[in-house]
Amino acid sequence: MLQLPVPASIGENHIVWKLEPWLAARGKSRNQLAEAMSGELASNRVTVYRLEGQKRLDFATLTRIIRACEQLTGERPGVGDLLEYREG
């Protein structure tokens, strides 16, 4: 799973992306998601969110990802389906 680092003041806690496993469980790929997001978010940004992680993710981008997941799979993921907070 992709880990998104958080500011050092939070210590070793971090946010983990669960987007790719969510898609895979539905027989879809990040490339298919990028196609579904055509015009919403550049496909290279989907790859960055998947592979490199980001220190911040704004609500507008998260909303676009959720909408594209729903368009692609017919199922709307919740925030907890895509992101998880982990300690240590």
N, C-alpha and C. Protein backbone atom coordinates (compact mmCIF):
# COMPACT_ATOMS: atom_id res chain seq x y z
N MET A 1 0.84 -1.18 0.00
CA MET A 1 0.00 0.00 0.00
C MET A 1 0.88 1.24 0.00
N LEU A 2 0.38 2.27 -0.61
CA LEU A 2 1.09 3.54 -0.68
C LEU A 2 0.93 4.30 0.63
N GLN A 3 2.02 4.81 1.15
CA GLN A 3 1.95 5.58 2.38
C GLN A 3 2.17 7.05 2.07
N LEU A 4 1.31 7.88 2.61
CA LEU A 4 1.43 9.32 2.45
C LEU A 4 2.04 9.87 3.72
N PRO A 5 3.23 10.45 3.65
CA PRO A 5 3.84 10.99 4.86
C PRO A 5 3.06 12.17 5.41
N VAL A 6 3.16 12.38 6.70
CA VAL A 6 2.52 13.51 7.36
C VAL A 6 3.60 14.34 8.02
N PRO A 7 3.27 15.56 8.46
CA PRO A 7 4.28 16.41 9.09
C PRO A 7 4.97 15.71 10.26
N ALA A 8 6.23 16.01 10.44
CA ALA A 8 7.04 15.36 11.47
C ALA A 8 6.47 15.52 12.87
N SER A 9 5.72 16.58 13.12
CA SER A 9 5.17 16.82 14.45
C SER A 9 4.19 15.73 14.88
N ILE A 10 3.73 14.93 13.94
CA ILE A 10 2.80 13.85 14.26
C ILE A 10 3.57 12.56 14.56
N GLY A 11 4.86 12.57 14.43
CA GLY A 11 5.67 11.40 14.74
C GLY A 11 5.64 10.38 13.62
N GLU A 12 5.51 9.14 13.98
CA GLU A 12 5.58 8.05 13.01
C GLU A 12 4.22 7.68 12.43
N ASN A 13 3.19 8.41 12.75
CA ASN A 13 1.86 8.11 12.24
C ASN A 13 1.77 8.51 10.78
N HIS A 14 0.94 7.82 10.03
CA HIS A 14 0.84 8.12 8.61
C HIS A 14 -0.51 7.68 8.05
N ILE A 15 -0.79 8.20 6.87
CA ILE A 15 -1.99 7.85 6.12
C ILE A 15 -1.59 6.88 5.02
N VAL A 16 -2.36 5.81 4.86
CA VAL A 16 -2.08 4.80 3.85
C VAL A 16 -3.18 4.86 2.80
N TRP A 17 -2.77 4.93 1.53
CA TRP A 17 -3.71 4.87 0.41
C TRP A 17 -4.17 3.44 0.25
N LYS A 18 -5.46 3.23 0.09
CA LYS A 18 -6.01 1.92 -0.21
C LYS A 18 -6.71 1.91 -1.57
N LEU A 19 -6.41 2.90 -2.39
CA LEU A 19 -7.06 3.05 -3.69
C LEU A 19 -6.79 1.86 -4.61
N GLU A 20 -5.54 1.49 -4.77
CA GLU A 20 -5.23 0.41 -5.71
C GLU A 20 -5.85 -0.92 -5.28
N PRO A 21 -5.77 -1.32 -4.00
CA PRO A 21 -6.45 -2.56 -3.61
C PRO A 21 -7.97 -2.48 -3.79
N TRP A 22 -8.55 -1.31 -3.55
CA TRP A 22 -9.99 -1.12 -3.74
C TRP A 22 -10.35 -1.36 -5.20
N LEU A 23 -9.56 -0.77 -6.10
CA LEU A 23 -9.81 -0.96 -7.53
C LEU A 23 -9.60 -2.42 -7.93
N ALA A 24 -8.51 -3.02 -7.48
CA ALA A 24 -8.20 -4.40 -7.85
C ALA A 24 -9.29 -5.37 -7.40
N ALA A 25 -9.88 -5.13 -6.24
CA ALA A 25 -10.95 -5.98 -5.74
C ALA A 25 -12.18 -5.93 -6.65
N ARG A 26 -12.24 -4.92 -7.48
CA ARG A 26 -13.36 -4.74 -8.40
C ARG A 26 -12.94 -4.99 -9.86
N GLY A 27 -11.74 -5.55 -10.01
CA GLY A 27 -11.25 -5.91 -11.34
C GLY A 27 -10.84 -4.72 -12.18
N LYS A 28 -10.46 -3.62 -11.54
CA LYS A 28 -10.08 -2.40 -12.26
C LYS A 28 -8.64 -2.02 -11.91
N SER A 29 -8.05 -1.18 -12.76
CA SER A 29 -6.66 -0.76 -12.56
C SER A 29 -6.59 0.77 -12.44
N ARG A 30 -5.44 1.24 -12.01
CA ARG A 30 -5.24 2.69 -11.91
C ARG A 30 -5.28 3.34 -13.30
N ASN A 31 -4.87 2.60 -14.33
CA ASN A 31 -4.94 3.14 -15.69
C ASN A 31 -6.39 3.34 -16.12
N GLN A 32 -7.24 2.40 -15.76
CA GLN A 32 -8.66 2.55 -16.07
C GLN A 32 -9.25 3.73 -15.29
N LEU A 33 -8.81 3.90 -14.05
CA LEU A 33 -9.25 5.05 -13.26
C LEU A 33 -8.80 6.34 -13.92
N ALA A 34 -7.55 6.39 -14.38
CA ALA A 34 -7.04 7.59 -15.05
C ALA A 34 -7.87 7.92 -16.28
N GLU A 35 -8.26 6.88 -17.03
CA GLU A 35 -9.12 7.11 -18.20
C GLU A 35 -10.48 7.66 -17.78
N ALA A 36 -11.02 7.11 -16.70
CA ALA A 36 -12.32 7.58 -16.21
C ALA A 36 -12.23 9.02 -15.72
N MET A 37 -11.04 9.43 -15.33
CA MET A 37 -10.84 10.79 -14.81
C MET A 37 -10.39 11.75 -15.90
N SER A 38 -10.41 11.32 -17.12
CA SER A 38 -9.99 12.17 -18.23
C SER A 38 -10.69 13.52 -18.14
N GLY A 39 -9.89 14.58 -18.13
CA GLY A 39 -10.43 15.93 -18.03
C GLY A 39 -10.62 16.38 -16.59
N GLU A 40 -10.65 15.43 -15.65
CA GLU A 40 -10.81 15.78 -14.24
C GLU A 40 -9.44 15.92 -13.56
N LEU A 41 -8.58 14.97 -13.83
CA LEU A 41 -7.27 14.93 -13.19
C LEU A 41 -6.34 14.24 -14.16
N ALA A 42 -5.21 14.82 -14.43
CA ALA A 42 -4.26 14.24 -15.39
C ALA A 42 -3.84 12.84 -14.94
N SER A 43 -3.69 11.93 -15.89
CA SER A 43 -3.35 10.55 -15.55
C SER A 43 -2.03 10.46 -14.80
N ASN A 44 -1.10 11.38 -15.08
CA ASN A 44 0.16 11.34 -14.34
C ASN A 44 -0.05 11.68 -12.87
N ARG A 45 -1.08 12.46 -12.55
CA ARG A 45 -1.38 12.77 -11.14
C ARG A 45 -1.92 11.54 -10.43
N VAL A 46 -2.73 10.72 -11.13
CA VAL A 46 -3.23 9.48 -10.53
C VAL A 46 -2.04 8.59 -10.19
N THR A 47 -1.07 8.51 -11.10
CA THR A 47 0.12 7.72 -10.85
C THR A 47 0.91 8.26 -9.67
N VAL A 48 1.04 9.57 -9.57
CA VAL A 48 1.75 10.17 -8.44
C VAL A 48 1.06 9.82 -7.14
N TYR A 49 -0.26 9.93 -7.11
CA TYR A 49 -0.99 9.59 -5.88
C TYR A 49 -0.79 8.12 -5.53
N ARG A 50 -0.69 7.29 -6.54
CA ARG A 50 -0.53 5.86 -6.31
C ARG A 50 0.90 5.51 -5.91
N LEU A 51 1.88 5.98 -6.64
CA LEU A 51 3.25 5.52 -6.46
C LEU A 51 4.09 6.36 -5.50
N GLU A 52 3.99 7.65 -5.61
CA GLU A 52 4.91 8.50 -4.88
C GLU A 52 4.36 9.03 -3.58
N GLY A 53 3.07 9.12 -3.48
CA GLY A 53 2.48 9.68 -2.28
C GLY A 53 2.51 11.20 -2.34
N GLN A 54 1.67 11.80 -1.55
CA GLN A 54 1.58 13.25 -1.48
C GLN A 54 1.50 13.63 -0.02
N LYS A 55 2.00 14.79 0.30
CA LYS A 55 1.92 15.26 1.66
C LYS A 55 0.56 15.86 1.97
N ARG A 56 -0.16 16.21 0.92
CA ARG A 56 -1.51 16.73 1.14
C ARG A 56 -2.39 16.32 -0.04
N LEU A 57 -3.64 16.16 0.28
CA LEU A 57 -4.63 15.81 -0.72
C LEU A 57 -5.84 16.68 -0.43
N ASP A 58 -6.19 17.55 -1.37
CA ASP A 58 -7.31 18.45 -1.09
C ASP A 58 -8.64 17.74 -1.34
N PHE A 59 -9.69 18.29 -0.75
CA PHE A 59 -11.01 17.69 -0.83
C PHE A 59 -11.52 17.62 -2.26
N ALA A 60 -11.20 18.62 -3.07
CA ALA A 60 -11.67 18.62 -4.46
C ALA A 60 -11.07 17.43 -5.22
N THR A 61 -9.80 17.15 -5.01
CA THR A 61 -9.16 16.02 -5.69
C THR A 61 -9.73 14.71 -5.18
N LEU A 62 -9.91 14.59 -3.87
CA LEU A 62 -10.48 13.38 -3.32
C LEU A 62 -11.89 13.15 -3.87
N THR A 63 -12.66 14.22 -4.00
CA THR A 63 -14.01 14.12 -4.57
C THR A 63 -13.94 13.62 -6.01
N ARG A 64 -13.01 14.13 -6.79
CA ARG A 64 -12.85 13.68 -8.19
C ARG A 64 -12.52 12.20 -8.25
N ILE A 65 -11.63 11.76 -7.37
CA ILE A 65 -11.24 10.35 -7.34
C ILE A 65 -12.44 9.48 -6.98
N ILE A 66 -13.21 9.89 -5.98
CA ILE A 66 -14.40 9.13 -5.57
C ILE A 66 -15.41 9.06 -6.70
N ARG A 67 -15.66 10.18 -7.37
CA ARG A 67 -16.61 10.19 -8.49
C ARG A 67 -16.15 9.29 -9.63
N ALA A 68 -14.86 9.33 -9.93
CA ALA A 68 -14.33 8.49 -11.01
C ALA A 68 -14.41 7.01 -10.63
N CYS A 69 -14.15 6.69 -9.38
CA CYS A 69 -14.28 5.29 -8.92
C CYS A 69 -15.72 4.82 -9.10
N GLU A 70 -16.66 5.68 -8.76
CA GLU A 70 -18.07 5.32 -8.90
C GLU A 70 -18.44 5.15 -10.38
N GLN A 71 -17.96 6.05 -11.22
CA GLN A 71 -18.23 5.95 -12.65
C GLN A 71 -17.63 4.66 -13.22
N LEU A 72 -16.45 4.31 -12.78
CA LEU A 72 -15.73 3.15 -13.30
C LEU A 72 -16.32 1.83 -12.81
N THR A 73 -16.74 1.78 -11.55
CA THR A 73 -17.15 0.51 -10.95
C THR A 73 -18.64 0.40 -10.67
N GLY A 74 -19.34 1.54 -10.66
CA GLY A 74 -20.75 1.53 -10.28
C GLY A 74 -20.94 1.52 -8.77
N GLU A 75 -19.85 1.61 -8.05
CA GLU A 75 -19.88 1.60 -6.58
C GLU A 75 -19.13 2.82 -6.06
N ARG A 76 -19.75 3.54 -5.14
CA ARG A 76 -19.11 4.73 -4.59
C ARG A 76 -18.30 4.35 -3.34
N PRO A 77 -16.97 4.58 -3.39
CA PRO A 77 -16.17 4.30 -2.20
C PRO A 77 -16.33 5.41 -1.17
N GLY A 78 -16.25 5.05 0.08
CA GLY A 78 -16.18 6.05 1.14
C GLY A 78 -14.73 6.45 1.35
N VAL A 79 -14.52 7.51 2.06
CA VAL A 79 -13.16 7.96 2.33
C VAL A 79 -12.37 6.86 3.03
N GLY A 80 -13.02 6.15 3.96
CA GLY A 80 -12.37 5.06 4.67
C GLY A 80 -12.03 3.87 3.79
N ASP A 81 -12.68 3.77 2.63
CA ASP A 81 -12.32 2.72 1.68
C ASP A 81 -11.02 3.04 0.96
N LEU A 82 -10.70 4.33 0.88
CA LEU A 82 -9.54 4.77 0.10
C LEU A 82 -8.35 5.19 0.96
N LEU A 83 -8.60 5.62 2.18
CA LEU A 83 -7.54 6.12 3.05
C LEU A 83 -7.65 5.47 4.43
N GLU A 84 -6.50 5.24 5.05
CA GLU A 84 -6.49 4.66 6.40
C GLU A 84 -5.39 5.34 7.21
N TYR A 85 -5.71 5.67 8.44
CA TYR A 85 -4.74 6.25 9.37
C TYR A 85 -4.09 5.12 10.16
N ARG A 86 -2.77 5.14 10.20
CA ARG A 86 -2.04 4.11 10.96
C ARG A 86 -1.04 4.77 11.91
N GLU A 87 -0.96 4.23 13.07
CA GLU A 87 0.03 4.71 14.05
C GLU A 87 1.28 3.85 13.95
N GLY A 88 2.40 4.52 14.20
CA GLY A 88 3.69 3.80 14.25
C GLY A 88 4.13 3.31 13.00
